[in-house]
Amino acid sequence: GTLIRILVLKSPKSIITFVVVFAGVLSNTASEVGYVLLVPLSAIIFL
């Protein structure tokens, strides 16, 4: 929750969607990270 708040406070709203998609692509190096961490985390970030 704290890391999300930092991301929200520091990241421009205009590029957050690109950051999420791009991070998802990069997570494919170890795909489990993307599925079990980034996907649900991105929903919380958008909210």
All heavy atoms as atom14 arrays in JSON, in Angstrom:
{
  "sequence": "GTLIRILVLKSPKSIITFVVVFAGVLSNTASEVGYVLLVPLSAIIFL",
  "atom14_mask": [
    [1, 1, 1, 1, 0, 0, 0, 0, 0, 0, 0, 0, 0, 0],
    [1, 1, 1, 1, 1, 1, 1, 0, 0, 0, 0, 0, 0, 0],
    [1, 1, 1, 1, 1, 1, 1, 1, 0, 0, 0, 0, 0, 0],
    [1, 1, 1, 1, 1, 1, 1, 1, 0, 0, 0, 0, 0, 0],
    [1, 1, 1, 1, 1, 1, 1, 1, 1, 1, 1, 0, 0, 0],
    [1, 1, 1, 1, 1, 1, 1, 1, 0, 0, 0, 0, 0, 0],
    [1, 1, 1, 1, 1, 1, 1, 1, 0, 0, 0, 0, 0, 0],
    [1, 1, 1, 1, 1, 1, 1, 0, 0, 0, 0, 0, 0, 0],
    [1, 1, 1, 1, 1, 1, 1, 1, 0, 0, 0, 0, 0, 0],
    [1, 1, 1, 1, 1, 1, 1, 1, 1, 0, 0, 0, 0, 0],
    [1, 1, 1, 1, 1, 1, 0, 0, 0, 0, 0, 0, 0, 0],
    [1, 1, 1, 1, 1, 1, 1, 0, 0, 0, 0, 0, 0, 0],
    [1, 1, 1, 1, 1, 1, 1, 1, 1, 0, 0, 0, 0, 0],
    [1, 1, 1, 1, 1, 1, 0, 0, 0, 0, 0, 0, 0, 0],
    [1, 1, 1, 1, 1, 1, 1, 1, 0, 0, 0, 0, 0, 0],
    [1, 1, 1, 1, 1, 1, 1, 1, 0, 0, 0, 0, 0, 0],
    [1, 1, 1, 1, 1, 1, 1, 0, 0, 0, 0, 0, 0, 0],
    [1, 1, 1, 1, 1, 1, 1, 1, 1, 1, 1, 0, 0, 0],
    [1, 1, 1, 1, 1, 1, 1, 0, 0, 0, 0, 0, 0, 0],
    [1, 1, 1, 1, 1, 1, 1, 0, 0, 0, 0, 0, 0, 0],
    [1, 1, 1, 1, 1, 1, 1, 0, 0, 0, 0, 0, 0, 0],
    [1, 1, 1, 1, 1, 1, 1, 1, 1, 1, 1, 0, 0, 0],
    [1, 1, 1, 1, 1, 0, 0, 0, 0, 0, 0, 0, 0, 0],
    [1, 1, 1, 1, 0, 0, 0, 0, 0, 0, 0, 0, 0, 0],
    [1, 1, 1, 1, 1, 1, 1, 0, 0, 0, 0, 0, 0, 0],
    [1, 1, 1, 1, 1, 1, 1, 1, 0, 0, 0, 0, 0, 0],
    [1, 1, 1, 1, 1, 1, 0, 0, 0, 0, 0, 0, 0, 0],
    [1, 1, 1, 1, 1, 1, 1, 1, 0, 0, 0, 0, 0, 0],
    [1, 1, 1, 1, 1, 1, 1, 0, 0, 0, 0, 0, 0, 0],
    [1, 1, 1, 1, 1, 0, 0, 0, 0, 0, 0, 0, 0, 0],
    [1, 1, 1, 1, 1, 1, 0, 0, 0, 0, 0, 0, 0, 0],
    [1, 1, 1, 1, 1, 1, 1, 1, 1, 0, 0, 0, 0, 0],
    [1, 1, 1, 1, 1, 1, 1, 0, 0, 0, 0, 0, 0, 0],
    [1, 1, 1, 1, 0, 0, 0, 0, 0, 0, 0, 0, 0, 0],
    [1, 1, 1, 1, 1, 1, 1, 1, 1, 1, 1, 1, 0, 0],
    [1, 1, 1, 1, 1, 1, 1, 0, 0, 0, 0, 0, 0, 0],
    [1, 1, 1, 1, 1, 1, 1, 1, 0, 0, 0, 0, 0, 0],
    [1, 1, 1, 1, 1, 1, 1, 1, 0, 0, 0, 0, 0, 0],
    [1, 1, 1, 1, 1, 1, 1, 0, 0, 0, 0, 0, 0, 0],
    [1, 1, 1, 1, 1, 1, 1, 0, 0, 0, 0, 0, 0, 0],
    [1, 1, 1, 1, 1, 1, 1, 1, 0, 0, 0, 0, 0, 0],
    [1, 1, 1, 1, 1, 1, 0, 0, 0, 0, 0, 0, 0, 0],
    [1, 1, 1, 1, 1, 0, 0, 0, 0, 0, 0, 0, 0, 0],
    [1, 1, 1, 1, 1, 1, 1, 1, 0, 0, 0, 0, 0, 0],
    [1, 1, 1, 1, 1, 1, 1, 1, 0, 0, 0, 0, 0, 0],
    [1, 1, 1, 1, 1, 1, 1, 1, 1, 1, 1, 0, 0, 0],
    [1, 1, 1, 1, 1, 1, 1, 1, 0, 0, 0, 0, 0, 0]
  ],
  "atom14_positions": [
    [[0.82, -1.21, 0.0], [0.0, 0.0, 0.0], [0.85, 1.26, 0.0], [0.55, 2.24, -0.7], [0.0, 0.0, 0.0], [0.0, 0.0, 0.0], [0.0, 0.0, 0.0], [0.0, 0.0, 0.0], [0.0, 0.0, 0.0], [0.0, 0.0, 0.0], [0.0, 0.0, 0.0], [0.0, 0.0, 0.0], [0.0, 0.0, 0.0], [0.0, 0.0, 0.0]],
    [[1.94, 1.24, 0.75], [2.84, 2.4, 0.81], [3.54, 2.63, -0.52], [3.66, 3.77, -0.99], [3.89, 2.2, 1.93], [3.22, 2.04, 3.18], [4.83, 3.4, 2.01], [0.0, 0.0, 0.0], [0.0, 0.0, 0.0], [0.0, 0.0, 0.0], [0.0, 0.0, 0.0], [0.0, 0.0, 0.0], [0.0, 0.0, 0.0], [0.0, 0.0, 0.0]],
    [[4.0, 1.54, -1.14], [4.66, 1.65, -2.44], [3.69, 2.19, -3.5], [4.09, 2.97, -4.37], [5.21, 0.29, -2.87], [6.39, -0.24, -2.04], [6.77, -1.64, -2.49], [7.6, 0.7, -2.15], [0.0, 0.0, 0.0], [0.0, 0.0, 0.0], [0.0, 0.0, 0.0], [0.0, 0.0, 0.0], [0.0, 0.0, 0.0], [0.0, 0.0, 0.0]],
    [[2.43, 1.77, -3.41], [1.42, 2.27, -4.35], [1.23, 3.77, -4.18], [1.14, 4.53, -5.14], [0.08, 1.54, -4.15], [0.21, 0.08, -4.61], [-1.06, 2.23, -4.9], [-0.96, -0.78, -4.24], [0.0, 0.0, 0.0], [0.0, 0.0, 0.0], [0.0, 0.0, 0.0], [0.0, 0.0, 0.0], [0.0, 0.0, 0.0], [0.0, 0.0, 0.0]],
    [[1.18, 4.2, -2.91], [1.01, 5.63, -2.65], [2.18, 6.43, -3.2], [2.01, 7.51, -3.75], [0.84, 5.87, -1.16], [-0.59, 5.56, -0.73], [-0.85, 5.68, 0.76], [-0.04, 6.63, 1.45], [0.66, 6.34, 2.55], [0.63, 5.13, 3.05], [1.35, 7.27, 3.17], [0.0, 0.0, 0.0], [0.0, 0.0, 0.0], [0.0, 0.0, 0.0]],
    [[3.39, 5.89, -3.07], [4.57, 6.57, -3.62], [4.45, 6.67, -5.13], [4.72, 7.72, -5.73], [5.85, 5.81, -3.23], [6.09, 5.92, -1.72], [7.06, 6.37, -3.99], [7.26, 5.1, -1.24], [0.0, 0.0, 0.0], [0.0, 0.0, 0.0], [0.0, 0.0, 0.0], [0.0, 0.0, 0.0], [0.0, 0.0, 0.0], [0.0, 0.0, 0.0]],
    [[4.03, 5.57, -5.76], [3.85, 5.57, -7.22], [2.82, 6.6, -7.65], [3.01, 7.34, -8.62], [3.44, 4.16, -7.69], [3.22, 3.99, -9.19], [4.52, 4.21, -9.95], [2.65, 2.61, -9.51], [0.0, 0.0, 0.0], [0.0, 0.0, 0.0], [0.0, 0.0, 0.0], [0.0, 0.0, 0.0], [0.0, 0.0, 0.0], [0.0, 0.0, 0.0]],
    [[1.72, 6.64, -6.91], [0.65, 7.59, -7.23], [1.12, 9.02, -7.04], [0.83, 9.91, -7.86], [-0.6, 7.31, -6.36], [-1.64, 8.4, -6.53], [-1.19, 5.95, -6.7], [0.0, 0.0, 0.0], [0.0, 0.0, 0.0], [0.0, 0.0, 0.0], [0.0, 0.0, 0.0], [0.0, 0.0, 0.0], [0.0, 0.0, 0.0], [0.0, 0.0, 0.0]],
    [[1.87, 9.25, -5.98], [2.32, 10.61, -5.68], [3.41, 11.09, -6.64], [3.51, 12.27, -6.95], [2.85, 10.68, -4.23], [1.8, 10.53, -3.13], [2.47, 10.32, -1.77], [0.9, 11.77, -3.07], [0.0, 0.0, 0.0], [0.0, 0.0, 0.0], [0.0, 0.0, 0.0], [0.0, 0.0, 0.0], [0.0, 0.0, 0.0], [0.0, 0.0, 0.0]],
    [[4.22, 10.15, -7.14], [5.39, 10.52, -7.95], [5.16, 10.41, -9.45], [5.85, 11.08, -10.23], [6.59, 9.65, -7.56], [7.0, 9.75, -6.09], [7.5, 11.14, -5.74], [7.98, 11.2, -4.29], [8.43, 12.56, -3.9], [0.0, 0.0, 0.0], [0.0, 0.0, 0.0], [0.0, 0.0, 0.0], [0.0, 0.0, 0.0], [0.0, 0.0, 0.0]],
    [[4.24, 9.53, -9.9], [4.08, 9.29, -11.34], [3.02, 10.2, -11.94], [1.94, 10.36, -11.36], [3.68, 7.83, -11.59], [4.66, 6.95, -11.14], [0.0, 0.0, 0.0], [0.0, 0.0, 0.0], [0.0, 0.0, 0.0], [0.0, 0.0, 0.0], [0.0, 0.0, 0.0], [0.0, 0.0, 0.0], [0.0, 0.0, 0.0], [0.0, 0.0, 0.0]],
    [[3.3, 10.77, -13.12], [2.28, 11.57, -13.81], [1.13, 10.67, -14.24], [1.35, 9.58, -14.76], [3.04, 12.11, -15.03], [4.49, 11.96, -14.72], [4.59, 10.77, -13.82], [0.0, 0.0, 0.0], [0.0, 0.0, 0.0], [0.0, 0.0, 0.0], [0.0, 0.0, 0.0], [0.0, 0.0, 0.0], [0.0, 0.0, 0.0], [0.0, 0.0, 0.0]],
    [[-0.08, 11.13, -14.02], [-1.26, 10.34, -14.37], [-1.3, 10.03, -15.86], [-1.81, 9.0, -16.29], [-2.52, 11.09, -13.95], [-3.81, 10.32, -14.13], [-5.01, 11.09, -13.6], [-6.29, 10.29, -13.76], [-7.47, 11.03, -13.23], [0.0, 0.0, 0.0], [0.0, 0.0, 0.0], [0.0, 0.0, 0.0], [0.0, 0.0, 0.0], [0.0, 0.0, 0.0]],
    [[-0.73, 10.92, -16.67], [-0.83, 10.79, -18.12], [-0.07, 9.59, -18.67], [-0.38, 9.1, -19.76], [-0.29, 12.06, -18.79], [1.05, 12.3, -18.39], [0.0, 0.0, 0.0], [0.0, 0.0, 0.0], [0.0, 0.0, 0.0], [0.0, 0.0, 0.0], [0.0, 0.0, 0.0], [0.0, 0.0, 0.0], [0.0, 0.0, 0.0], [0.0, 0.0, 0.0]],
    [[0.94, 9.08, -17.94], [1.73, 7.97, -18.48], [1.56, 6.67, -17.69], [2.22, 5.68, -17.99], [3.22, 8.33, -18.53], [3.79, 8.51, -17.1], [3.46, 9.56, -19.38], [5.3, 8.53, -17.06], [0.0, 0.0, 0.0], [0.0, 0.0, 0.0], [0.0, 0.0, 0.0], [0.0, 0.0, 0.0], [0.0, 0.0, 0.0], [0.0, 0.0, 0.0]],
    [[0.68, 6.66, -16.69], [0.56, 5.48, -15.83], [0.11, 4.25, -16.61], [0.55, 3.13, -16.35], [-0.39, 5.75, -14.63], [-0.27, 4.62, -13.6], [-1.83, 5.92, -15.1], [1.09, 4.51, -12.97], [0.0, 0.0, 0.0], [0.0, 0.0, 0.0], [0.0, 0.0, 0.0], [0.0, 0.0, 0.0], [0.0, 0.0, 0.0], [0.0, 0.0, 0.0]],
    [[-0.75, 4.43, -17.63], [-1.21, 3.29, -18.41], [-0.05, 2.67, -19.18], [0.12, 1.44, -19.19], [-2.31, 3.71, -19.4], [-3.39, 4.28, -18.67], [-2.82, 2.52, -20.19], [0.0, 0.0, 0.0], [0.0, 0.0, 0.0], [0.0, 0.0, 0.0], [0.0, 0.0, 0.0], [0.0, 0.0, 0.0], [0.0, 0.0, 0.0], [0.0, 0.0, 0.0]],
    [[0.76, 3.51, -19.82], [1.92, 2.99, -20.55], [2.88, 2.28, -19.6], [3.42, 1.22, -19.93], [2.65, 4.11, -21.29], [3.89, 3.66, -22.01], [3.8, 3.02, -23.23], [5.15, 3.86, -21.45], [4.94, 2.59, -23.89], [6.3, 3.41, -22.09], [6.19, 2.78, -23.33], [0.0, 0.0, 0.0], [0.0, 0.0, 0.0], [0.0, 0.0, 0.0]],
    [[3.09, 2.86, -18.43], [3.99, 2.25, -17.43], [3.51, 0.86, -17.06], [4.3, -0.09, -16.97], [4.09, 3.15, -16.18], [4.81, 2.41, -15.04], [4.81, 4.44, -16.5], [0.0, 0.0, 0.0], [0.0, 0.0, 0.0], [0.0, 0.0, 0.0], [0.0, 0.0, 0.0], [0.0, 0.0, 0.0], [0.0, 0.0, 0.0], [0.0, 0.0, 0.0]],
    [[2.21, 0.7, -16.86], [1.63, -0.59, -16.47], [1.8, -1.62, -17.59], [2.24, -2.75, -17.35], [0.15, -0.43, -16.1], [-0.56, -1.78, -16.04], [0.01, 0.27, -14.75], [0.0, 0.0, 0.0], [0.0, 0.0, 0.0], [0.0, 0.0, 0.0], [0.0, 0.0, 0.0], [0.0, 0.0, 0.0], [0.0, 0.0, 0.0], [0.0, 0.0, 0.0]],
    [[1.44, -1.24, -18.83], [1.57, -2.18, -19.95], [3.03, -2.55, -20.17], [3.37, -3.74, -20.33], [0.98, -1.58, -21.25], [1.17, -2.55, -22.42], [-0.49, -1.25, -21.08], [0.0, 0.0, 0.0], [0.0, 0.0, 0.0], [0.0, 0.0, 0.0], [0.0, 0.0, 0.0], [0.0, 0.0, 0.0], [0.0, 0.0, 0.0], [0.0, 0.0, 0.0]],
    [[3.89, -1.56, -20.15], [5.32, -1.79, -20.39], [5.91, -2.68, -19.3], [6.7, -3.59, -19.58], [6.05, -0.44, -20.44], [7.42, -0.51, -21.07], [7.54, -0.64, -22.45], [8.56, -0.42, -20.31], [8.79, -0.7, -23.05], [9.81, -0.48, -20.89], [9.94, -0.61, -22.26], [0.0, 0.0, 0.0], [0.0, 0.0, 0.0], [0.0, 0.0, 0.0]],
    [[5.53, -2.42, -18.05], [6.0, -3.25, -16.93], [5.52, -4.69, -17.1], [6.24, -5.64, -16.78], [5.52, -2.69, -15.61], [0.0, 0.0, 0.0], [0.0, 0.0, 0.0], [0.0, 0.0, 0.0], [0.0, 0.0, 0.0], [0.0, 0.0, 0.0], [0.0, 0.0, 0.0], [0.0, 0.0, 0.0], [0.0, 0.0, 0.0], [0.0, 0.0, 0.0]],
    [[4.3, -4.85, -17.62], [3.77, -6.18, -17.87], [4.59, -6.94, -18.89], [4.91, -8.12, -18.7], [0.0, 0.0, 0.0], [0.0, 0.0, 0.0], [0.0, 0.0, 0.0], [0.0, 0.0, 0.0], [0.0, 0.0, 0.0], [0.0, 0.0, 0.0], [0.0, 0.0, 0.0], [0.0, 0.0, 0.0], [0.0, 0.0, 0.0], [0.0, 0.0, 0.0]],
    [[4.97, -6.26, -19.97], [5.8, -6.89, -20.99], [7.16, -7.28, -20.4], [7.64, -8.4, -20.62], [5.98, -5.96, -22.2], [6.94, -6.59, -23.22], [4.64, -5.67, -22.87], [0.0, 0.0, 0.0], [0.0, 0.0, 0.0], [0.0, 0.0, 0.0], [0.0, 0.0, 0.0], [0.0, 0.0, 0.0], [0.0, 0.0, 0.0], [0.0, 0.0, 0.0]],
    [[7.77, -6.38, -19.64], [9.08, -6.66, -19.06], [9.04, -7.82, -18.06], [10.02, -8.53, -17.9], [9.63, -5.41, -18.36], [9.94, -4.21, -19.26], [10.58, -3.1, -18.43], [10.85, -4.59, -20.41], [0.0, 0.0, 0.0], [0.0, 0.0, 0.0], [0.0, 0.0, 0.0], [0.0, 0.0, 0.0], [0.0, 0.0, 0.0], [0.0, 0.0, 0.0]],
    [[7.89, -8.0, -17.4], [7.78, -9.06, -16.4], [7.83, -10.45, -17.02], [7.94, -11.44, -16.3], [6.48, -8.91, -15.6], [5.35, -9.29, -16.38], [0.0, 0.0, 0.0], [0.0, 0.0, 0.0], [0.0, 0.0, 0.0], [0.0, 0.0, 0.0], [0.0, 0.0, 0.0], [0.0, 0.0, 0.0], [0.0, 0.0, 0.0], [0.0, 0.0, 0.0]],
    [[7.79, -10.52, -18.36], [7.8, -11.83, -19.02], [9.11, -12.57, -18.84], [9.17, -13.78, -19.08], [7.52, -11.66, -20.53], [6.12, -11.18, -20.79], [5.21, -11.52, -20.07], [5.95, -10.36, -21.82], [0.0, 0.0, 0.0], [0.0, 0.0, 0.0], [0.0, 0.0, 0.0], [0.0, 0.0, 0.0], [0.0, 0.0, 0.0], [0.0, 0.0, 0.0]],
    [[10.16, -11.86, -18.43], [11.41, -12.55, -18.12], [11.17, -13.6, -17.04], [11.77, -14.67, -17.05], [12.47, -11.53, -17.62], [12.64, -10.54, -18.64], [13.79, -12.22, -17.38], [0.0, 0.0, 0.0], [0.0, 0.0, 0.0], [0.0, 0.0, 0.0], [0.0, 0.0, 0.0], [0.0, 0.0, 0.0], [0.0, 0.0, 0.0], [0.0, 0.0, 0.0]],
    [[10.27, -13.3, -16.14], [9.81, -14.26, -15.13], [8.29, -14.08, -15.04], [7.8, -13.33, -14.21], [10.47, -14.0, -13.78], [0.0, 0.0, 0.0], [0.0, 0.0, 0.0], [0.0, 0.0, 0.0], [0.0, 0.0, 0.0], [0.0, 0.0, 0.0], [0.0, 0.0, 0.0], [0.0, 0.0, 0.0], [0.0, 0.0, 0.0], [0.0, 0.0, 0.0]],
    [[7.57, -14.74, -15.93], [6.15, -14.42, -16.14], [5.28, -14.55, -14.9], [4.27, -13.88, -14.78], [5.59, -15.33, -17.25], [5.73, -16.7, -16.92], [0.0, 0.0, 0.0], [0.0, 0.0, 0.0], [0.0, 0.0, 0.0], [0.0, 0.0, 0.0], [0.0, 0.0, 0.0], [0.0, 0.0, 0.0], [0.0, 0.0, 0.0], [0.0, 0.0, 0.0]],
    [[5.65, -15.43, -13.96], [4.82, -15.6, -12.76], [4.69, -14.29, -11.98], [3.66, -14.02, -11.37], [5.4, -16.69, -11.85], [5.32, -18.1, -12.4], [6.47, -18.42, -13.35], [7.33, -17.54, -13.57], [6.49, -19.54, -13.89], [0.0, 0.0, 0.0], [0.0, 0.0, 0.0], [0.0, 0.0, 0.0], [0.0, 0.0, 0.0], [0.0, 0.0, 0.0]],
    [[5.75, -13.47, -12.02], [5.71, -12.19, -11.31], [4.6, -11.33, -11.87], [3.84, -10.7, -11.13], [7.06, -11.45, -11.45], [7.0, -10.09, -10.78], [8.18, -12.28, -10.85], [0.0, 0.0, 0.0], [0.0, 0.0, 0.0], [0.0, 0.0, 0.0], [0.0, 0.0, 0.0], [0.0, 0.0, 0.0], [0.0, 0.0, 0.0], [0.0, 0.0, 0.0]],
    [[4.48, -11.31, -13.18], [3.45, -10.5, -13.81], [2.06, -10.94, -13.44], [1.2, -10.12, -13.09], [0.0, 0.0, 0.0], [0.0, 0.0, 0.0], [0.0, 0.0, 0.0], [0.0, 0.0, 0.0], [0.0, 0.0, 0.0], [0.0, 0.0, 0.0], [0.0, 0.0, 0.0], [0.0, 0.0, 0.0], [0.0, 0.0, 0.0], [0.0, 0.0, 0.0]],
    [[1.8, -12.24, -13.51], [0.46, -12.76, -13.26], [0.03, -12.6, -11.8], [-1.07, -12.15, -11.53], [0.37, -14.24, -13.65], [0.41, -14.49, -15.13], [1.48, -15.15, -15.72], [-0.62, -14.05, -15.95], [1.52, -15.38, -17.07], [-0.59, -14.28, -17.31], [0.49, -14.94, -17.87], [0.52, -15.16, -19.23], [0.0, 0.0, 0.0], [0.0, 0.0, 0.0]],
    [[0.91, -12.98, -10.89], [0.49, -13.03, -9.49], [0.72, -11.72, -8.73], [0.13, -11.53, -7.67], [1.18, -14.19, -8.73], [0.91, -15.51, -9.4], [2.69, -13.96, -8.61], [0.0, 0.0, 0.0], [0.0, 0.0, 0.0], [0.0, 0.0, 0.0], [0.0, 0.0, 0.0], [0.0, 0.0, 0.0], [0.0, 0.0, 0.0], [0.0, 0.0, 0.0]],
    [[1.55, -10.84, -9.27], [1.82, -9.59, -8.56], [1.38, -8.36, -9.35], [0.58, -7.55, -8.85], [3.32, -9.48, -8.25], [3.77, -8.21, -7.53], [3.03, -8.04, -6.21], [5.28, -8.22, -7.29], [0.0, 0.0, 0.0], [0.0, 0.0, 0.0], [0.0, 0.0, 0.0], [0.0, 0.0, 0.0], [0.0, 0.0, 0.0], [0.0, 0.0, 0.0]],
    [[1.87, -8.22, -10.58], [1.6, -6.98, -11.33], [0.14, -6.83, -11.71], [-0.42, -5.73, -11.64], [2.48, -6.93, -12.58], [2.36, -5.64, -13.39], [2.84, -4.44, -12.58], [3.15, -5.74, -14.69], [0.0, 0.0, 0.0], [0.0, 0.0, 0.0], [0.0, 0.0, 0.0], [0.0, 0.0, 0.0], [0.0, 0.0, 0.0], [0.0, 0.0, 0.0]],
    [[-0.52, -7.91, -12.14], [-1.9, -7.81, -12.6], [-2.83, -7.29, -11.49], [-3.53, -6.29, -11.68], [-2.41, -9.16, -13.17], [-3.91, -9.1, -13.44], [-1.67, -9.49, -14.46], [0.0, 0.0, 0.0], [0.0, 0.0, 0.0], [0.0, 0.0, 0.0], [0.0, 0.0, 0.0], [0.0, 0.0, 0.0], [0.0, 0.0, 0.0], [0.0, 0.0, 0.0]],
    [[-2.86, -7.94, -10.3], [-3.74, -7.39, -9.26], [-3.27, -6.04, -8.74], [-4.08, -5.19, -8.36], [-3.67, -8.46, -8.15], [-2.4, -9.19, -8.39], [-2.21, -9.19, -9.88], [0.0, 0.0, 0.0], [0.0, 0.0, 0.0], [0.0, 0.0, 0.0], [0.0, 0.0, 0.0], [0.0, 0.0, 0.0], [0.0, 0.0, 0.0], [0.0, 0.0, 0.0]],
    [[-1.95, -5.81, -8.72], [-1.41, -4.55, -8.25], [-1.82, -3.39, -9.17], [-2.14, -2.29, -8.69], [0.12, -4.63, -8.18], [0.85, -3.51, -7.45], [0.43, -3.42, -6.0], [2.36, -3.72, -7.56], [0.0, 0.0, 0.0], [0.0, 0.0, 0.0], [0.0, 0.0, 0.0], [0.0, 0.0, 0.0], [0.0, 0.0, 0.0], [0.0, 0.0, 0.0]],
    [[-1.88, -3.65, -10.46], [-2.25, -2.6, -11.42], [-3.7, -2.17, -11.25], [-4.04, -1.0, -11.45], [-2.0, -3.09, -12.85], [-0.63, -3.34, -13.06], [0.0, 0.0, 0.0], [0.0, 0.0, 0.0], [0.0, 0.0, 0.0], [0.0, 0.0, 0.0], [0.0, 0.0, 0.0], [0.0, 0.0, 0.0], [0.0, 0.0, 0.0], [0.0, 0.0, 0.0]],
    [[-4.56, -3.11, -10.87], [-5.96, -2.75, -10.6], [-6.03, -1.78, -9.42], [-6.77, -0.79, -9.44], [-6.77, -4.01, -10.31], [0.0, 0.0, 0.0], [0.0, 0.0, 0.0], [0.0, 0.0, 0.0], [0.0, 0.0, 0.0], [0.0, 0.0, 0.0], [0.0, 0.0, 0.0], [0.0, 0.0, 0.0], [0.0, 0.0, 0.0], [0.0, 0.0, 0.0]],
    [[-5.23, -2.05, -8.4], [-5.2, -1.19, -7.21], [-4.63, 0.19, -7.57], [-5.13, 1.22, -7.12], [-4.35, -1.84, -6.09], [-4.98, -3.19, -5.67], [-4.23, -0.93, -4.89], [-4.11, -4.01, -4.73], [0.0, 0.0, 0.0], [0.0, 0.0, 0.0], [0.0, 0.0, 0.0], [0.0, 0.0, 0.0], [0.0, 0.0, 0.0], [0.0, 0.0, 0.0]],
    [[-3.6, 0.2, -8.42], [-2.99, 1.46, -8.84], [-3.99, 2.32, -9.61], [-4.14, 3.51, -9.36], [-1.73, 1.2, -9.7], [-0.62, 0.6, -8.84], [-1.26, 2.48, -10.37], [0.57, 0.11, -9.63], [0.0, 0.0, 0.0], [0.0, 0.0, 0.0], [0.0, 0.0, 0.0], [0.0, 0.0, 0.0], [0.0, 0.0, 0.0], [0.0, 0.0, 0.0]],
    [[-4.71, 1.71, -10.55], [-5.68, 2.45, -11.34], [-6.79, 3.01, -10.46], [-7.25, 4.13, -10.66], [-6.27, 1.55, -12.44], [-5.59, 1.71, -13.77], [-4.22, 1.64, -13.87], [-6.33, 1.91, -14.93], [-3.57, 1.79, -15.09], [-5.71, 2.06, -16.16], [-4.32, 2.0, -16.24], [0.0, 0.0, 0.0], [0.0, 0.0, 0.0], [0.0, 0.0, 0.0]],
    [[-7.22, 2.21, -9.49], [-8.27, 2.67, -8.58], [-7.78, 3.88, -7.79], [-8.52, 4.85, -7.58], [-8.67, 1.53, -7.63], [-9.87, 1.79, -6.71], [-11.12, 2.11, -7.52], [-10.11, 0.58, -5.8], [0.0, 0.0, 0.0], [0.0, 0.0, 0.0], [0.0, 0.0, 0.0], [0.0, 0.0, 0.0], [0.0, 0.0, 0.0], [0.0, 0.0, 0.0]]
  ]
}
